[in-house]
Amino acid sequence: MLPTRLSSYYRNPSVLRRLALALGLLLALPALRAQDATPWPEVPEPPHAAVQWIADSLRIDNVPTRIQQFQSTASRTEVVAYYRAYWSGAYPQAPSVTPYQQAIVVSQRHGPYLMTVKVSDAPGGGSSGLISVSRILGTRAERKAGDFPLMPGAQLLSVTESDDPGQQARELVIVLPQSVPSARQFYESALRSAGWHALQANDVAGAAGSGGGTYLSFAQSGRLAQLSIMAAPGTAGSTLVANVVTKGTGPAVE
């Protein structure tokens, strides 16, 4: 069993949020009824790189996914060229190479899996990025908030689930048309009405030119909810990242 380290990213969930958005194309791919016994493919490490596992048991919008991160002394161009060459020849189609924000995404299909490398320039030289493998066939991509309340007009961007030893975690990324104060008032009221007990509430100062935000945490009989609500630049709305952890679930603790 590979290590699962998703829980260490809860305080800074931007890694998973960027990956979920980068893999948004999964929603456009149809699910197949046929099951494929093809084992998970191994993606080679980038040249001159240090690689760490983020999670080996993850579901992004219900799609099973494994994620690693890397830092390399090789340039972004060199890493892209490496995977373009490695994923050519042995496959019926050439790999896809697509600009995404400040990064380049290289991807290739392998049976029911989509292998993806997202690489960016690293400060001070070299490159850094994410390596992911997602089982896109035989799985229907979907987003469900479950029992987490949504404000009117809310847009659910992604749902990321992980099974860690002794607990299950869900991260929801939600775009809200309402302001940070309105969102805070709504969730304090909604969660308390649902039987959650407030643990913490702190305002967060924003960078220059931004409106800041707020951090809230709640507990409810074996469950912990952590909410980060930040002003959305250029709009009157906000972005909510909610992490809900349920204890006593997931694989047994060894």
Protein backbone atom coordinates (compact mmCIF):
# COMPACT_ATOMS: atom_id res chain seq x y z
CA MET A 1 0.00 0.00 0.00
CA LEU A 2 1.45 3.36 -0.98
CA PRO A 3 1.50 6.20 1.54
CA THR A 4 -1.43 8.58 1.63
CA ARG A 5 -0.53 12.12 2.68
CA LEU A 6 -3.59 14.09 1.63
CA SER A 7 -4.35 15.19 5.18
CA SER A 8 -1.17 17.28 5.28
CA TYR A 9 -2.59 19.47 2.51
CA TYR A 10 -5.77 20.56 4.32
CA ARG A 11 -4.23 23.80 5.55
CA ASN A 12 -3.22 24.72 1.99
CA PRO A 13 -5.66 22.97 -0.36
CA SER A 14 -4.62 24.92 -3.47
CA VAL A 15 -2.64 21.91 -4.76
CA LEU A 16 -5.72 19.71 -4.99
CA ARG A 17 -7.89 22.60 -6.18
CA ARG A 18 -5.54 23.31 -9.10
CA LEU A 19 -5.38 19.62 -9.97
CA ALA A 20 -9.16 19.24 -9.89
CA LEU A 21 -9.56 22.20 -12.22
CA ALA A 22 -6.80 20.98 -14.52
CA LEU A 23 -8.58 17.61 -14.77
CA GLY A 24 -11.93 19.21 -15.54
CA LEU A 25 -11.87 17.48 -18.91
CA LEU A 26 -12.80 14.26 -17.08
CA LEU A 27 -16.39 15.45 -16.86
CA ALA A 28 -16.61 15.43 -20.64
CA LEU A 29 -15.57 11.80 -20.97
CA PRO A 30 -18.30 9.13 -21.00
CA ALA A 31 -18.28 6.30 -18.49
CA LEU A 32 -18.11 2.77 -19.91
CA ARG A 33 -19.96 -0.21 -18.48
CA ALA A 34 -17.19 -2.62 -19.37
CA GLN A 35 -14.67 -3.21 -16.58
CA ASP A 36 -10.96 -3.36 -17.45
CA ALA A 37 -8.51 -5.33 -15.31
CA THR A 38 -5.54 -3.26 -16.52
CA PRO A 39 -3.36 -2.46 -13.50
CA TRP A 40 -2.53 1.11 -12.59
CA PRO A 41 0.30 2.30 -14.84
CA GLU A 42 3.58 3.54 -13.38
CA VAL A 43 4.56 7.02 -14.56
CA PRO A 44 8.34 7.51 -14.72
CA GLU A 45 9.86 10.26 -12.61
CA PRO A 46 10.92 13.46 -14.39
CA PRO A 47 14.66 13.84 -15.03
CA HIS A 48 16.75 15.15 -12.13
CA ALA A 49 13.72 15.25 -9.83
CA ALA A 50 12.70 14.61 -6.25
CA VAL A 51 9.21 13.06 -6.12
CA GLN A 52 6.80 12.76 -3.17
CA TRP A 53 3.42 11.10 -2.85
CA ILE A 54 0.42 13.31 -2.08
CA ALA A 55 -2.25 10.58 -2.18
CA ASP A 56 -2.65 7.10 -3.62
CA SER A 57 -6.33 6.66 -2.73
CA LEU A 58 -8.18 9.72 -3.93
CA ARG A 59 -11.40 10.45 -5.80
CA ILE A 60 -11.76 13.74 -7.65
CA ASP A 61 -15.39 14.23 -8.70
CA ASN A 62 -15.80 10.48 -8.08
CA VAL A 63 -12.87 9.61 -10.39
CA PRO A 64 -10.21 7.39 -8.69
CA THR A 65 -6.92 9.27 -8.83
CA ARG A 66 -3.33 8.98 -7.59
CA ILE A 67 -1.18 12.09 -7.22
CA GLN A 68 2.52 12.82 -6.76
CA GLN A 69 4.38 16.12 -6.71
CA PHE A 70 7.92 16.79 -7.94
CA GLN A 71 10.69 19.35 -7.96
CA SER A 72 13.32 19.12 -10.72
CA THR A 73 16.49 20.94 -11.65
CA ALA A 74 15.49 20.34 -15.29
CA SER A 75 13.60 23.16 -17.00
CA ARG A 76 9.91 23.06 -17.79
CA THR A 77 10.78 22.66 -21.48
CA GLU A 78 13.04 19.68 -20.73
CA VAL A 79 10.41 17.95 -18.61
CA VAL A 80 7.73 18.46 -21.27
CA ALA A 81 10.08 17.09 -23.95
CA TYR A 82 10.88 14.05 -21.77
CA TYR A 83 7.23 13.02 -21.37
CA ARG A 84 6.36 13.86 -24.97
CA ALA A 85 9.08 11.42 -26.08
CA TYR A 86 8.32 8.77 -23.44
CA TRP A 87 4.61 8.68 -24.26
CA SER A 88 5.14 8.51 -28.04
CA GLY A 89 5.72 5.44 -30.19
CA ALA A 90 4.22 2.80 -27.90
CA TYR A 91 0.76 4.42 -28.00
CA PRO A 92 -1.66 4.70 -30.95
CA GLN A 93 -1.93 8.46 -30.47
CA ALA A 94 0.62 11.15 -29.67
CA PRO A 95 0.42 12.62 -26.16
CA SER A 96 -1.59 15.78 -25.63
CA VAL A 97 0.46 18.89 -24.76
CA THR A 98 -1.72 21.76 -23.55
CA PRO A 99 -0.92 25.14 -21.93
CA TYR A 100 -2.85 25.63 -18.68
CA GLN A 101 -2.52 28.97 -16.89
CA GLN A 102 1.22 29.27 -16.12
CA ALA A 103 1.86 25.55 -16.68
CA ILE A 104 2.04 22.92 -19.42
CA VAL A 105 -0.05 19.74 -19.13
CA VAL A 106 1.17 16.58 -20.89
CA SER A 107 -1.25 13.65 -20.93
CA GLN A 108 -1.64 10.21 -22.46
CA ARG A 109 -4.29 7.47 -22.31
CA HIS A 110 -3.28 4.02 -21.05
CA GLY A 111 -6.17 1.57 -21.20
CA PRO A 112 -8.83 2.91 -18.82
CA TYR A 113 -6.41 5.44 -17.30
CA LEU A 114 -5.42 9.01 -18.04
CA MET A 115 -1.80 9.81 -17.13
CA THR A 116 -1.10 13.51 -16.65
CA VAL A 117 1.94 15.62 -15.83
CA LYS A 118 1.43 19.30 -15.02
CA VAL A 119 4.72 21.20 -14.97
CA SER A 120 5.50 24.84 -14.16
CA ASP A 121 8.63 26.97 -13.91
CA ALA A 122 10.02 26.90 -10.37
CA PRO A 123 11.26 30.04 -8.62
CA GLY A 124 15.02 30.27 -8.95
CA GLY A 125 15.17 27.91 -11.93
CA GLY A 126 14.20 24.35 -12.69
CA SER A 127 10.59 23.17 -12.59
CA SER A 128 7.94 21.71 -10.33
CA GLY A 129 4.60 20.07 -10.83
CA LEU A 130 2.15 17.25 -10.31
CA ILE A 131 1.98 13.70 -11.66
CA SER A 132 -1.45 12.07 -11.66
CA VAL A 133 -3.10 8.89 -12.89
CA SER A 134 -6.91 8.78 -13.08
CA ARG A 135 -9.17 5.86 -13.93
CA ILE A 136 -11.51 7.64 -16.34
CA LEU A 137 -13.23 4.66 -17.95
CA GLY A 138 -15.75 2.62 -15.99
CA THR A 139 -16.31 5.58 -13.66
CA ARG A 140 -18.92 8.30 -14.00
CA ALA A 141 -17.56 11.69 -13.05
CA GLU A 142 -19.95 13.54 -10.77
CA ARG A 143 -20.02 16.20 -8.08
CA LYS A 144 -22.27 15.94 -5.04
CA ALA A 145 -22.25 18.15 -1.98
CA GLY A 146 -23.87 15.45 0.16
CA ASP A 147 -25.26 16.90 3.38
CA PHE A 148 -23.10 20.02 3.16
CA PRO A 149 -25.38 23.08 2.73
CA LEU A 150 -25.08 25.24 -0.39
CA MET A 151 -26.01 28.90 -0.58
CA PRO A 152 -28.40 30.10 -3.32
CA GLY A 153 -26.52 30.48 -6.59
CA ALA A 154 -23.51 28.48 -5.38
CA GLN A 155 -21.39 26.67 -7.98
CA LEU A 156 -19.72 23.44 -6.84
CA LEU A 157 -16.36 23.33 -8.65
CA SER A 158 -14.92 20.09 -7.31
CA VAL A 159 -15.33 17.37 -4.70
CA THR A 160 -12.18 15.56 -3.57
CA GLU A 161 -12.44 12.50 -1.31
CA SER A 162 -9.74 10.47 0.40
CA ASP A 163 -9.67 7.40 2.62
CA ASP A 164 -6.96 7.82 5.23
CA PRO A 165 -6.31 5.39 8.10
CA GLY A 166 -9.21 5.71 10.52
CA GLN A 167 -10.95 8.56 8.73
CA GLN A 168 -12.56 9.73 5.49
CA ALA A 169 -12.15 13.26 4.20
CA ARG A 170 -14.05 15.34 1.64
CA GLU A 171 -12.91 18.68 0.24
CA LEU A 172 -15.47 20.85 -1.56
CA VAL A 173 -14.50 23.90 -3.60
CA ILE A 174 -17.46 26.23 -4.05
CA VAL A 175 -17.84 29.59 -5.79
CA LEU A 176 -20.36 31.86 -4.09
CA PRO A 177 -22.03 35.01 -5.47
CA GLN A 178 -22.31 36.29 -1.89
CA SER A 179 -19.67 38.28 -0.01
CA VAL A 180 -17.44 36.83 2.71
CA PRO A 181 -19.54 38.32 5.59
CA SER A 182 -22.77 36.98 4.06
CA ALA A 183 -21.24 33.54 3.54
CA ARG A 184 -19.91 33.45 7.10
CA GLN A 185 -23.31 34.36 8.52
CA PHE A 186 -25.03 31.71 6.40
CA TYR A 187 -22.68 28.85 7.34
CA GLU A 188 -22.53 29.71 11.02
CA SER A 189 -26.33 29.57 11.11
CA ALA A 190 -26.76 26.54 8.80
CA LEU A 191 -24.18 24.33 10.50
CA ARG A 192 -25.35 25.17 14.02
CA SER A 193 -28.92 24.37 12.97
CA ALA A 194 -27.65 21.00 11.70
CA GLY A 195 -26.15 20.16 15.08
CA TRP A 196 -22.57 21.34 14.56
CA HIS A 197 -20.73 23.12 17.38
CA ALA A 198 -18.49 26.10 16.58
CA LEU A 199 -14.83 25.64 17.53
CA GLN A 200 -13.06 28.56 15.93
CA ALA A 201 -13.74 31.70 13.91
CA ASN A 202 -10.96 33.97 12.67
CA ASP A 203 -10.81 36.73 10.11
CA VAL A 204 -7.95 36.42 7.62
CA ALA A 205 -6.21 39.50 6.25
CA GLY A 206 -5.95 39.55 2.48
CA ALA A 207 -3.00 40.55 0.34
CA ALA A 208 -2.83 44.06 -1.04
CA GLY A 209 -5.84 44.68 -3.27
CA SER A 210 -7.84 41.70 -1.98
CA GLY A 211 -10.72 41.60 0.46
CA GLY A 212 -9.39 38.98 2.85
CA GLY A 213 -11.59 36.26 4.25
CA THR A 214 -12.50 34.14 7.26
CA TYR A 215 -11.72 30.72 8.73
CA LEU A 216 -14.35 28.68 10.57
CA SER A 217 -14.23 25.26 12.20
CA PHE A 218 -17.02 23.09 13.63
CA ALA A 219 -17.36 19.67 15.27
CA GLN A 220 -20.17 17.14 15.36
CA SER A 221 -19.92 13.64 16.92
CA GLY A 222 -16.80 12.31 15.25
CA ARG A 223 -16.77 14.85 12.42
CA LEU A 224 -14.73 18.01 11.89
CA ALA A 225 -15.53 20.73 9.36
CA GLN A 226 -12.99 23.39 8.39
CA LEU A 227 -14.19 26.27 6.18
CA SER A 228 -11.97 28.81 4.46
CA ILE A 229 -13.95 31.63 2.81
CA MET A 230 -11.95 34.13 0.76
CA ALA A 231 -13.00 37.13 -1.30
CA ALA A 232 -12.96 36.41 -5.04
CA PRO A 233 -10.78 38.99 -6.82
CA GLY A 234 -12.66 41.22 -9.25
CA THR A 235 -16.10 40.14 -8.05
CA ALA A 236 -18.48 40.80 -5.19
CA GLY A 237 -18.53 37.10 -4.36
CA SER A 238 -16.27 34.66 -2.56
CA THR A 239 -14.70 31.21 -2.78
CA LEU A 240 -15.28 28.55 -0.14
CA VAL A 241 -13.02 25.57 0.49
CA ALA A 242 -14.65 23.17 2.97
CA ASN A 243 -12.85 20.15 4.43
CA VAL A 244 -15.09 17.65 6.24
CA VAL A 245 -13.35 14.81 8.06
CA THR A 246 -15.29 11.83 9.45
CA LYS A 247 -13.51 9.76 12.09
CA GLY A 248 -13.91 6.00 12.45
CA THR A 249 -14.10 5.39 8.69
CA GLY A 250 -11.61 4.60 5.97
CA PRO A 251 -8.99 1.81 6.13
CA ALA A 252 -8.06 0.41 9.53
CA VAL A 253 -5.15 1.99 11.35
CA GLU A 254 -2.22 -0.41 11.39
